[in-house]
Amino acid sequence: MTTPLLSPTKVTELLGVIIGTLVVWRCTGRYPLPFVKVGRRVMYRLNDVEAFIEGRIFEQTA
């Protein structure tokens, strides 16, 4: 079974960022959040977004 694809709008709601932030991340590769191109549309796999969130959990800042 394939993982659901999410729109950038849905991903911004989940991550609490704005669309422009996702654009910068895609263009610069600043954060490892894979995306899927469907024609001109950019989509995100739910599994990738969940893995990104899990990878950003920290106990301390140092």
N, C-alpha and C. Protein backbone atom coordinates (compact mmCIF):
# COMPACT_ATOMS: atom_id res chain seq x y z
N MET A 1 0.83 -1.18 0.00
CA MET A 1 0.00 0.00 0.00
C MET A 1 0.88 1.25 0.00
N THR A 2 0.50 2.23 -0.77
CA THR A 2 1.28 3.45 -0.84
C THR A 2 0.87 4.43 0.25
N THR A 3 1.80 5.25 0.62
CA THR A 3 1.53 6.25 1.65
C THR A 3 0.76 7.42 1.03
N PRO A 4 -0.16 8.01 1.76
CA PRO A 4 -0.91 9.16 1.22
C PRO A 4 0.01 10.34 0.90
N LEU A 5 -0.36 11.08 -0.13
CA LEU A 5 0.36 12.30 -0.49
C LEU A 5 -0.36 13.50 0.12
N LEU A 6 0.43 14.41 0.68
CA LEU A 6 -0.11 15.60 1.31
C LEU A 6 0.27 16.83 0.49
N SER A 7 -0.62 17.79 0.45
CA SER A 7 -0.34 19.06 -0.20
C SER A 7 0.60 19.87 0.68
N PRO A 8 1.32 20.83 0.08
CA PRO A 8 2.14 21.71 0.91
C PRO A 8 1.33 22.43 1.99
N THR A 9 0.09 22.79 1.68
CA THR A 9 -0.75 23.46 2.67
C THR A 9 -0.97 22.57 3.89
N LYS A 10 -1.25 21.30 3.67
CA LYS A 10 -1.45 20.37 4.78
C LYS A 10 -0.16 20.20 5.58
N VAL A 11 0.97 20.14 4.88
CA VAL A 11 2.26 19.97 5.58
C VAL A 11 2.56 21.21 6.43
N THR A 12 2.24 22.39 5.92
CA THR A 12 2.48 23.59 6.73
C THR A 12 1.64 23.57 8.00
N GLU A 13 0.42 23.05 7.90
CA GLU A 13 -0.42 22.93 9.09
C GLU A 13 0.19 21.97 10.10
N LEU A 14 0.74 20.87 9.62
CA LEU A 14 1.33 19.87 10.52
C LEU A 14 2.61 20.38 11.17
N LEU A 15 3.41 21.14 10.40
CA LEU A 15 4.71 21.59 10.90
C LEU A 15 4.66 22.96 11.55
N GLY A 16 3.61 23.72 11.33
CA GLY A 16 3.51 25.05 11.90
C GLY A 16 4.43 26.06 11.22
N VAL A 17 4.65 25.89 9.92
CA VAL A 17 5.47 26.83 9.15
C VAL A 17 4.61 27.39 8.02
N ILE A 18 5.15 28.37 7.30
CA ILE A 18 4.43 28.94 6.16
C ILE A 18 4.92 28.28 4.86
N ILE A 19 4.13 28.44 3.81
CA ILE A 19 4.46 27.84 2.52
C ILE A 19 5.85 28.27 2.05
N GLY A 20 6.18 29.53 2.25
CA GLY A 20 7.50 30.03 1.83
C GLY A 20 8.64 29.27 2.47
N THR A 21 8.44 28.83 3.69
CA THR A 21 9.47 28.04 4.38
C THR A 21 9.70 26.72 3.67
N LEU A 22 8.62 26.05 3.27
CA LEU A 22 8.77 24.79 2.54
C LEU A 22 9.49 25.01 1.21
N VAL A 23 9.18 26.12 0.55
CA VAL A 23 9.83 26.44 -0.72
C VAL A 23 11.34 26.60 -0.51
N VAL A 24 11.72 27.33 0.52
CA VAL A 24 13.15 27.52 0.81
C VAL A 24 13.81 26.19 1.12
N TRP A 25 13.16 25.36 1.93
CA TRP A 25 13.74 24.06 2.27
C TRP A 25 13.94 23.22 1.02
N ARG A 26 12.97 23.23 0.09
CA ARG A 26 13.10 22.46 -1.15
C ARG A 26 14.24 22.98 -2.01
N CYS A 27 14.31 24.30 -2.15
CA CYS A 27 15.30 24.91 -3.04
C CYS A 27 16.72 24.81 -2.51
N THR A 28 16.88 24.91 -1.21
CA THR A 28 18.22 24.92 -0.61
C THR A 28 18.64 23.56 -0.06
N GLY A 29 17.68 22.68 0.17
CA GLY A 29 18.00 21.40 0.79
C GLY A 29 18.39 21.57 2.25
N ARG A 30 17.95 22.65 2.86
CA ARG A 30 18.33 22.95 4.24
C ARG A 30 17.92 21.85 5.22
N TYR A 31 16.74 21.31 5.04
CA TYR A 31 16.27 20.22 5.88
C TYR A 31 15.91 19.03 5.01
N PRO A 32 16.13 17.83 5.51
CA PRO A 32 15.89 16.63 4.71
C PRO A 32 14.41 16.21 4.70
N LEU A 33 13.60 16.98 4.00
CA LEU A 33 12.19 16.66 3.87
C LEU A 33 11.91 16.33 2.40
N PRO A 34 11.91 15.03 2.07
CA PRO A 34 11.70 14.65 0.67
C PRO A 34 10.33 15.09 0.16
N PHE A 35 10.25 15.33 -1.13
CA PHE A 35 8.99 15.70 -1.77
C PHE A 35 8.84 14.95 -3.08
N VAL A 36 7.63 14.94 -3.58
CA VAL A 36 7.30 14.23 -4.81
C VAL A 36 6.76 15.25 -5.81
N LYS A 37 7.24 15.19 -7.04
CA LYS A 37 6.71 16.05 -8.09
C LYS A 37 5.68 15.25 -8.88
N VAL A 38 4.48 15.79 -8.98
CA VAL A 38 3.41 15.19 -9.77
C VAL A 38 3.04 16.25 -10.80
N GLY A 39 3.63 16.14 -11.98
CA GLY A 39 3.49 17.22 -12.95
C GLY A 39 4.15 18.45 -12.38
N ARG A 40 3.42 19.54 -12.28
CA ARG A 40 3.94 20.76 -11.68
C ARG A 40 3.73 20.81 -10.18
N ARG A 41 2.88 19.94 -9.68
CA ARG A 41 2.53 19.97 -8.25
C ARG A 41 3.63 19.35 -7.40
N VAL A 42 3.79 19.90 -6.23
CA VAL A 42 4.71 19.36 -5.23
C VAL A 42 3.84 18.73 -4.15
N MET A 43 4.14 17.50 -3.80
CA MET A 43 3.41 16.78 -2.77
C MET A 43 4.42 16.17 -1.80
N TYR A 44 3.95 15.82 -0.64
CA TYR A 44 4.80 15.21 0.38
C TYR A 44 4.15 13.91 0.84
N ARG A 45 4.97 12.87 0.98
CA ARG A 45 4.45 11.60 1.50
C ARG A 45 4.29 11.71 3.00
N LEU A 46 3.16 11.23 3.49
CA LEU A 46 2.88 11.27 4.93
C LEU A 46 4.00 10.62 5.73
N ASN A 47 4.50 9.49 5.28
CA ASN A 47 5.59 8.79 6.00
C ASN A 47 6.83 9.67 6.11
N ASP A 48 7.15 10.42 5.04
CA ASP A 48 8.33 11.29 5.07
C ASP A 48 8.14 12.44 6.05
N VAL A 49 6.95 13.01 6.09
CA VAL A 49 6.68 14.11 7.03
C VAL A 49 6.76 13.59 8.46
N GLU A 50 6.19 12.42 8.71
CA GLU A 50 6.26 11.84 10.06
C GLU A 50 7.70 11.55 10.46
N ALA A 51 8.50 11.02 9.54
CA ALA A 51 9.91 10.73 9.82
C ALA A 51 10.68 12.01 10.08
N PHE A 52 10.37 13.06 9.34
CA PHE A 52 11.01 14.36 9.55
C PHE A 52 10.72 14.87 10.96
N ILE A 53 9.47 14.78 11.37
CA ILE A 53 9.09 15.23 12.72
C ILE A 53 9.82 14.40 13.77
N GLU A 54 9.85 13.09 13.61
CA GLU A 54 10.53 12.23 14.57
C GLU A 54 12.02 12.54 14.64
N GLY A 55 12.61 12.90 13.52
CA GLY A 55 14.04 13.23 13.47
C GLY A 55 14.38 14.57 14.08
N ARG A 56 13.37 15.38 14.39
CA ARG A 56 13.60 16.71 14.95
C ARG A 56 13.34 16.76 16.45
N ILE A 57 13.22 15.62 17.11
CA ILE A 57 12.98 15.57 18.55
C ILE A 57 14.33 15.62 19.28
N PHE A 58 14.46 16.59 20.17
CA PHE A 58 15.70 16.76 20.91
C PHE A 58 15.42 16.81 22.40
N GLU A 59 16.40 16.39 23.18
CA GLU A 59 16.33 16.45 24.64
C GLU A 59 16.93 17.75 25.17
N GLN A 60 17.91 18.30 24.41
CA GLN A 60 18.57 19.52 24.82
C GLN A 60 19.08 20.25 23.57
N THR A 61 19.49 21.49 23.73
CA THR A 61 19.94 22.26 22.58
C THR A 61 21.44 22.22 22.35
N ALA A 62 22.20 21.79 23.31
CA ALA A 62 23.67 21.78 23.17
C ALA A 62 24.15 20.52 22.49
